C-alpha atoms as a PDB file:
ATOM      1  CA  MET A   1     122.563 120.160 -68.344  1.00  0.00           C
ATOM      2  CA  ILE A   2     123.972 121.667 -65.125  1.00  0.00           C
ATOM      3  CA  ILE A   3     121.581 122.803 -62.194  1.00  0.00           C
ATOM      4  CA  SER A   4     123.383 125.032 -59.647  1.00  0.00           C
ATOM      5  CA  LYS A   5     122.404 125.036 -56.348  1.00  0.00           C
ATOM      6  CA  LYS A   6     122.838 129.146 -55.751  1.00  0.00           C
ATOM      7  CA  LYS A   7     121.117 129.695 -52.554  1.00  0.00           C
ATOM      8  CA  GLN A   8     117.867 132.068 -52.552  1.00  0.00           C
ATOM      9  CA  HIS A   9     118.492 135.795 -51.163  1.00  0.00           C
ATOM     10  CA  GLY A  10     115.721 138.071 -50.146  1.00  0.00           C
ATOM     11  CA  MET A  11     112.679 138.105 -47.870  1.00  0.00           C
ATOM     12  CA  THR A  12     109.289 135.217 -48.180  1.00  0.00           C
ATOM     13  CA  ALA A  13     105.955 137.029 -48.211  1.00  0.00           C
ATOM     14  CA  ILE A  14     105.478 135.837 -44.937  1.00  0.00           C
ATOM     15  CA  GLY A  15     108.668 137.958 -43.602  1.00  0.00           C
ATOM     16  CA  PHE A  16     107.229 140.694 -45.417  1.00  0.00           C
ATOM     17  CA  VAL A  17     104.026 141.552 -44.008  1.00  0.00           C
ATOM     18  CA  MET A  18     106.091 140.679 -40.801  1.00  0.00           C
ATOM     19  CA  LEU A  19     107.781 143.141 -40.683  1.00  0.00           C
ATOM     20  CA  LEU A  20     105.643 146.109 -41.791  1.00  0.00           C
ATOM     21  CA  GLY A  21     103.407 145.487 -39.167  1.00  0.00           C
ATOM     22  CA  ILE A  22     106.570 145.958 -36.505  1.00  0.00           C
ATOM     23  CA  ILE A  23     106.797 149.553 -38.994  1.00  0.00           C
ATOM     24  CA  ALA A  24     103.450 150.107 -38.694  1.00  0.00           C
ATOM     25  CA  PHE A  25     103.526 148.919 -34.818  1.00  0.00           C
ATOM     26  CA  PHE A  26     106.279 151.885 -34.201  1.00  0.00           C
ATOM     27  CA  ALA A  27     104.561 154.248 -36.241  1.00  0.00           C
ATOM     28  CA  ALA A  28     101.379 154.572 -34.864  1.00  0.00           C
ATOM     29  CA  ILE A  29     103.415 155.200 -31.291  1.00  0.00           C
ATOM     30  CA  ALA A  30     104.861 157.953 -32.432  1.00  0.00           C
ATOM     31  CA  LEU A  31     101.863 159.369 -34.126  1.00  0.00           C
ATOM     32  CA  LYS A  32     100.380 159.157 -30.726  1.00  0.00           C
ATOM     33  CA  LEU A  33     103.742 160.516 -28.508  1.00  0.00           C
ATOM     34  CA  ALA A  34     104.117 163.387 -30.871  1.00  0.00           C
ATOM     35  CA  PRO A  35     101.165 165.336 -30.380  1.00  0.00           C
ATOM     36  CA  LEU A  36     102.285 164.410 -25.924  1.00  0.00           C
ATOM     37  CA  TYR A  37     105.968 165.990 -27.185  1.00  0.00           C
ATOM     38  CA  LEU A  38     104.592 168.947 -28.653  1.00  0.00           C
ATOM     39  CA  GLU A  39     102.475 169.816 -25.989  1.00  0.00           C
ATOM     40  CA  HIS A  40     105.551 169.641 -23.411  1.00  0.00           C
ATOM     41  CA  PHE A  41     107.296 172.047 -25.791  1.00  0.00           C
ATOM     42  CA  GLU A  42     104.458 174.644 -25.498  1.00  0.00           C
ATOM     43  CA  VAL A  43     104.320 174.165 -21.767  1.00  0.00           C
ATOM     44  CA  SER A  44     108.322 175.231 -21.826  1.00  0.00           C
ATOM     45  CA  SER A  45     107.984 177.503 -24.085  1.00  0.00           C
ATOM     46  CA  VAL A  46     104.651 179.071 -21.579  1.00  0.00           C
ATOM     47  CA  LEU A  47     107.474 179.246 -18.936  1.00  0.00           C
ATOM     48  CA  LYS A  48     110.541 180.530 -20.554  1.00  0.00           C
ATOM     49  CA  SER A  49     107.876 183.504 -21.299  1.00  0.00           C
ATOM     50  CA  LEU A  50     107.325 183.991 -17.855  1.00  0.00           C
ATOM     51  CA  ALA A  51     111.083 184.638 -17.298  1.00  0.00           C
ATOM     52  CA  GLN A  52     110.424 187.449 -20.081  1.00  0.00           C
ATOM     53  CA  GLU A  53     107.752 189.339 -18.157  1.00  0.00           C
ATOM     54  CA  GLN A  54     108.847 192.695 -15.864  1.00  0.00           C
ATOM     55  CA  GLY A  55     107.159 192.407 -12.248  1.00  0.00           C
ATOM     56  CA  ILE A  56     106.169 188.979 -11.880  1.00  0.00           C
ATOM     57  CA  ALA A  57     108.176 188.961  -8.402  1.00  0.00           C
ATOM     58  CA  SER A  58     105.715 191.475  -7.690  1.00  0.00           C
ATOM     59  CA  LYS A  59     102.757 189.110  -8.336  1.00  0.00           C
ATOM     60  CA  SER A  60     100.349 187.563  -6.513  1.00  0.00           C
ATOM     61  CA  ALA A  61     100.755 183.229  -6.454  1.00  0.00           C
ATOM     62  CA  ALA A  62      97.299 183.019  -7.549  1.00  0.00           C
ATOM     63  CA  GLU A  63      97.811 185.819 -10.360  1.00  0.00           C
ATOM     64  CA  ILE A  64     101.103 183.964 -11.160  1.00  0.00           C
ATOM     65  CA  GLU A  65      98.616 180.252 -11.556  1.00  0.00           C
ATOM     66  CA  ASP A  66      96.054 182.557 -13.699  1.00  0.00           C
ATOM     67  CA  MET A  67      98.487 183.877 -15.510  1.00  0.00           C
ATOM     68  CA  ILE A  68      99.863 180.415 -16.484  1.00  0.00           C
ATOM     69  CA  MET A  69      96.428 178.867 -17.593  1.00  0.00           C
ATOM     70  CA  LYS A  70      95.578 181.487 -19.493  1.00  0.00           C
ATOM     71  CA  ARG A  71      98.626 180.915 -21.198  1.00  0.00           C
ATOM     72  CA  LEU A  72      98.371 177.193 -22.052  1.00  0.00           C
ATOM     73  CA  ASP A  73      94.457 177.597 -22.414  1.00  0.00           C
ATOM     74  CA  ILE A  74      95.363 180.015 -25.746  1.00  0.00           C
ATOM     75  CA  ASN A  75      98.313 177.805 -27.007  1.00  0.00           C
ATOM     76  CA  ASP A  76      95.640 175.019 -26.457  1.00  0.00           C
ATOM     77  CA  VAL A  77      97.382 172.458 -23.346  1.00  0.00           C
ATOM     78  CA  THR A  78      94.818 170.273 -22.370  1.00  0.00           C
ATOM     79  CA  HIS A  79      97.124 167.597 -19.869  1.00  0.00           C
ATOM     80  CA  VAL A  80      98.001 170.431 -17.407  1.00  0.00           C
ATOM     81  CA  THR A  81      95.502 171.772 -14.760  1.00  0.00           C
ATOM     82  CA  LYS A  82      96.084 174.030 -11.129  1.00  0.00           C
ATOM     83  CA  ASP A  83      97.100 170.843  -9.502  1.00  0.00           C
ATOM     84  CA  ASN A  84      99.986 170.628 -11.051  1.00  0.00           C
ATOM     85  CA  LEU A  85     101.316 174.318 -10.867  1.00  0.00           C
ATOM     86  CA  GLU A  86     103.965 174.507  -7.712  1.00  0.00           C
ATOM     87  CA  ILE A  87     104.775 178.311  -7.354  1.00  0.00           C
ATOM     88  CA  SER A  88     106.873 179.668  -4.170  1.00  0.00           C
ATOM     89  CA  LYS A  89     108.035 182.836  -3.953  1.00  0.00           C
ATOM     90  CA  GLU A  90     111.092 183.259  -0.968  1.00  0.00           C
ATOM     91  CA  ALA A  91     113.476 186.806  -0.945  1.00  0.00           C
ATOM     92  CA  GLY A  92     112.076 188.283  -3.714  1.00  0.00           C
ATOM     93  CA  LYS A  93     112.715 185.257  -5.942  1.00  0.00           C
ATOM     94  CA  VAL A  94     109.786 183.665  -7.550  1.00  0.00           C
ATOM     95  CA  SER A  95     109.865 179.657  -8.361  1.00  0.00           C
ATOM     96  CA  ILE A  96     107.689 178.170 -10.688  1.00  0.00           C
ATOM     97  CA  ALA A  97     107.867 173.888 -11.684  1.00  0.00           C
ATOM     98  CA  ILE A  98     105.249 172.269 -13.619  1.00  0.00           C
ATOM     99  CA  SER A  99     104.819 168.139 -13.600  1.00  0.00           C
ATOM    100  CA  TYR A 100     102.669 166.543 -14.843  1.00  0.00           C
ATOM    101  CA  GLU A 101     101.532 163.447 -16.779  1.00  0.00           C
ATOM    102  CA  ALA A 102      99.724 162.857 -19.831  1.00  0.00           C
ATOM    103  CA  ARG A 103      98.168 159.778 -21.036  1.00  0.00           C
ATOM    104  CA  VAL A 104      96.788 158.710 -24.074  1.00  0.00           C
ATOM    105  CA  PRO A 105      94.819 155.184 -25.376  1.00  0.00           C
ATOM    106  CA  MET A 106      96.912 153.800 -27.914  1.00  0.00           C
ATOM    107  CA  LEU A 107      95.040 150.095 -28.304  1.00  0.00           C
ATOM    108  CA  ALA A 108      91.476 148.481 -26.493  1.00  0.00           C
ATOM    109  CA  ASN A 109      92.162 148.676 -22.318  1.00  0.00           C
ATOM    110  CA  ILE A 110      96.289 149.880 -23.164  1.00  0.00           C
ATOM    111  CA  ASP A 111      97.733 153.685 -22.586  1.00  0.00           C
ATOM    112  CA  LEU A 112     100.687 155.603 -23.866  1.00  0.00           C
ATOM    113  CA  VAL A 113     102.008 157.163 -20.853  1.00  0.00           C
ATOM    114  CA  ALA A 114     104.334 160.278 -20.227  1.00  0.00           C
ATOM    115  CA  ASN A 115     105.789 161.832 -17.361  1.00  0.00           C
ATOM    116  CA  PHE A 116     106.948 165.928 -17.442  1.00  0.00           C
ATOM    117  CA  LYS A 117     108.757 167.039 -14.623  1.00  0.00           C
ATOM    118  CA  ASP A 118     111.749 169.238 -16.013  1.00  0.00           C
ATOM    119  CA  ASN A 119     109.110 172.069 -16.630  1.00  0.00           C
ATOM    120  CA  LYS A 120     110.696 174.353 -13.510  1.00  0.00           C
ATOM    121  CA  VAL A 121     112.238 178.370 -14.004  1.00  0.00           C
ATOM    122  CA  GLU A 122     112.857 181.082 -10.849  1.00  0.00           C
ATOM    123  CA  VAL A 123     112.334 184.346 -11.564  1.00  0.00           C
ATOM    124  CA  ALA A 124     114.722 187.278  -9.080  1.00  0.00           C
ATOM    125  CA  ALA A 125     112.785 190.309  -8.805  1.00  0.00           C
ATOM    126  CA  HIS A 126     114.130 193.443 -11.596  1.00  0.00           C
END
């Protein structure tokens, strides 16, 4: 009887469990970060809607701030506060920027942090 010495192909049980662990780790990170990016999309859409608003340039900074915060509240945005807003007016042009940091707990004392600084819109007087 001849016994062939073919090498076995495939993954061991330990290798398979390790692969599942790595996949689960990255899936957990994705599940924690997805709501942050969905919230960021809501912040961007609020700013875009302000660009469509009639008479926004004639409003005071406090009125614009209240308008933004109400829209963010309606869209259930929790990581943006009034301190994250930057509203400037010059020569009939309003510039509105929102920069914020969102932090979610991952595991024990480890947090995931996302910084969003690209939210800016400029509105000229109509």
